[in-house]
C-alpha atoms as a PDB file:
ATOM      1  CA  MET A   1     -26.470  -3.344 -19.553  1.00  0.00           C
ATOM      2  CA  ALA A   2     -26.265  -7.126 -19.343  1.00  0.00           C
ATOM      3  CA  LYS A   3     -24.946  -8.631 -16.180  1.00  0.00           C
ATOM      4  CA  ARG A   4     -21.538 -10.197 -16.695  1.00  0.00           C
ATOM      5  CA  GLU A   5     -21.188 -13.903 -15.953  1.00  0.00           C
ATOM      6  CA  TYR A   6     -17.901 -15.194 -14.708  1.00  0.00           C
ATOM      7  CA  THR A   7     -16.490 -18.668 -14.985  1.00  0.00           C
ATOM      8  CA  SER A   8     -15.833 -20.580 -11.738  1.00  0.00           C
ATOM      9  CA  TYR A   9     -12.096 -19.998 -12.290  1.00  0.00           C
ATOM     10  CA  GLN A  10     -12.615 -16.250 -12.631  1.00  0.00           C
ATOM     11  CA  LYS A  11     -14.871 -16.168  -9.546  1.00  0.00           C
ATOM     12  CA  LYS A  12     -12.177 -17.943  -7.553  1.00  0.00           C
ATOM     13  CA  ALA A  13      -9.488 -15.547  -8.780  1.00  0.00           C
ATOM     14  CA  ILE A  14     -11.628 -12.521  -7.893  1.00  0.00           C
ATOM     15  CA  SER A  15     -12.415 -13.969  -4.459  1.00  0.00           C
ATOM     16  CA  ASN A  16      -8.742 -14.675  -3.777  1.00  0.00           C
ATOM     17  CA  TYR A  17      -7.811 -11.160  -4.761  1.00  0.00           C
ATOM     18  CA  TYR A  18     -10.198  -9.598  -2.264  1.00  0.00           C
ATOM     19  CA  GLN A  19      -9.244 -12.040   0.486  1.00  0.00           C
ATOM     20  CA  ASN A  20      -5.573 -11.087   0.067  1.00  0.00           C
ATOM     21  CA  LEU A  21      -5.999  -7.348  -0.407  1.00  0.00           C
ATOM     22  CA  ASP A  22      -4.208  -6.528   2.846  1.00  0.00           C
ATOM     23  CA  GLN A  23      -1.136  -8.537   1.830  1.00  0.00           C
ATOM     24  CA  ILE A  24      -1.185  -6.963  -1.600  1.00  0.00           C
ATOM     25  CA  ALA A  25      -1.236  -3.479  -0.043  1.00  0.00           C
ATOM     26  CA  LEU A  26       1.563  -4.363   2.413  1.00  0.00           C
ATOM     27  CA  GLN A  27       3.661  -5.681  -0.456  1.00  0.00           C
ATOM     28  CA  ARG A  28       3.026  -2.502  -2.427  1.00  0.00           C
ATOM     29  CA  LEU A  29       4.159  -0.444   0.545  1.00  0.00           C
ATOM     30  CA  GLN A  30       7.372  -2.514   0.735  1.00  0.00           C
ATOM     31  CA  GLU A  31       8.021  -1.748  -2.933  1.00  0.00           C
ATOM     32  CA  LEU A  32       7.323   1.965  -2.369  1.00  0.00           C
ATOM     33  CA  VAL A  33       9.850   2.073   0.522  1.00  0.00           C
ATOM     34  CA  THR A  34      12.480   0.685  -1.813  1.00  0.00           C
ATOM     35  CA  GLU A  35      11.560   3.097  -4.577  1.00  0.00           C
ATOM     36  CA  LEU A  36      11.698   6.030  -2.148  1.00  0.00           C
ATOM     37  CA  TYR A  37      15.192   5.040  -1.027  1.00  0.00           C
ATOM     38  CA  LEU A  38      16.276   4.967  -4.690  1.00  0.00           C
ATOM     39  CA  ALA A  39      14.347   8.069  -5.887  1.00  0.00           C
ATOM     40  CA  ASP A  40      16.697  10.667  -7.284  1.00  0.00           C
ATOM     41  CA  THR A  41      14.382  13.633  -7.914  1.00  0.00           C
ATOM     42  CA  ASP A  42      11.983  15.544  -5.698  1.00  0.00           C
ATOM     43  CA  LYS A  43       9.245  15.162  -8.295  1.00  0.00           C
ATOM     44  CA  LYS A  44       9.547  11.391  -8.181  1.00  0.00           C
ATOM     45  CA  ARG A  45       9.569  11.394  -4.368  1.00  0.00           C
ATOM     46  CA  ASP A  46       6.415  13.483  -4.254  1.00  0.00           C
ATOM     47  CA  ARG A  47       4.655  11.086  -6.625  1.00  0.00           C
ATOM     48  CA  LEU A  48       5.762   8.077  -4.564  1.00  0.00           C
ATOM     49  CA  TRP A  49       4.564   9.700  -1.307  1.00  0.00           C
ATOM     50  CA  GLU A  50       1.172  10.162  -2.923  1.00  0.00           C
ATOM     51  CA  GLN A  51       1.121   6.440  -3.686  1.00  0.00           C
ATOM     52  CA  VAL A  52       2.119   5.751  -0.062  1.00  0.00           C
ATOM     53  CA  GLN A  53      -0.802   7.803   1.104  1.00  0.00           C
ATOM     54  CA  ARG A  54      -3.252   5.767  -1.053  1.00  0.00           C
ATOM     55  CA  ALA A  55      -1.722   2.497   0.076  1.00  0.00           C
ATOM     56  CA  MET A  56      -2.078   3.410   3.720  1.00  0.00           C
ATOM     57  CA  LYS A  57      -5.666   4.438   3.150  1.00  0.00           C
ATOM     58  CA  ASN A  58      -6.363   1.029   1.589  1.00  0.00           C
ATOM     59  CA  LEU A  59      -4.800  -0.633   4.636  1.00  0.00           C
ATOM     60  CA  ASN A  60      -6.985   1.479   6.988  1.00  0.00           C
ATOM     61  CA  VAL A  61      -3.947   2.800   8.851  1.00  0.00           C
ATOM     62  CA  GLN A  62      -4.889   4.932  11.835  1.00  0.00           C
ATOM     63  CA  PRO A  63      -5.234   8.565  10.601  1.00  0.00           C
ATOM     64  CA  ALA A  64      -2.866   9.906  13.233  1.00  0.00           C
ATOM     65  CA  ILE A  65      -0.067   7.476  12.223  1.00  0.00           C
ATOM     66  CA  ALA A  66      -0.618   8.096   8.517  1.00  0.00           C
ATOM     67  CA  GLU A  67      -0.630  11.855   9.064  1.00  0.00           C
ATOM     68  CA  HIS A  68       2.649  11.668  11.041  1.00  0.00           C
ATOM     69  CA  ILE A  69       4.345   9.563   8.342  1.00  0.00           C
ATOM     70  CA  LEU A  70       3.188  11.846   5.555  1.00  0.00           C
ATOM     71  CA  LYS A  71       4.091  15.004   7.508  1.00  0.00           C
ATOM     72  CA  THR A  72       7.653  13.882   8.210  1.00  0.00           C
ATOM     73  CA  LYS A  73       8.129  12.151   4.805  1.00  0.00           C
ATOM     74  CA  ASP A  74      10.824  10.096   6.424  1.00  0.00           C
ATOM     75  CA  VAL A  75      11.358   6.775   4.679  1.00  0.00           C
ATOM     76  CA  GLN A  76      12.843   5.274   7.874  1.00  0.00           C
ATOM     77  CA  VAL A  77       9.694   6.082   9.838  1.00  0.00           C
ATOM     78  CA  LEU A  78       7.554   4.487   7.128  1.00  0.00           C
ATOM     79  CA  ALA A  79       9.813   1.391   7.031  1.00  0.00           C
ATOM     80  CA  LYS A  80       9.686   1.016  10.847  1.00  0.00           C
ATOM     81  CA  ASN A  81       5.888   1.221  10.842  1.00  0.00           C
ATOM     82  CA  LEU A  82       5.715  -1.164   7.910  1.00  0.00           C
ATOM     83  CA  GLN A  83       7.735  -3.733   9.861  1.00  0.00           C
ATOM     84  CA  ASP A  84       5.265  -3.460  12.706  1.00  0.00           C
ATOM     85  CA  TRP A  85       2.324  -3.900  10.354  1.00  0.00           C
ATOM     86  CA  LEU A  86       3.907  -6.933   8.768  1.00  0.00           C
ATOM     87  CA  LYS A  87       4.406  -8.553  12.217  1.00  0.00           C
ATOM     88  CA  LYS A  88       0.724  -8.070  12.968  1.00  0.00           C
ATOM     89  CA  LYS A  89      -0.377  -9.775   9.763  1.00  0.00           C
END
């Protein structure tokens, strides 16, 4: 397979994406908190909590904290931790 060549614009966009990956993941977690507050079915909540788990893994959240949040499945606990993570960034 031929190696793909990117334009300088594309290279810069790719570089910026990877430099801002933490902010992107934090923003996604903020969106998930909102969606969890508004979720009206258990099936939707379960799907959103799976997405929260993936987002926390991408952020390299300490396993003990992530496990606690996922075990309690309390949106307020997630929101509180998210505020702390945002202050650190």
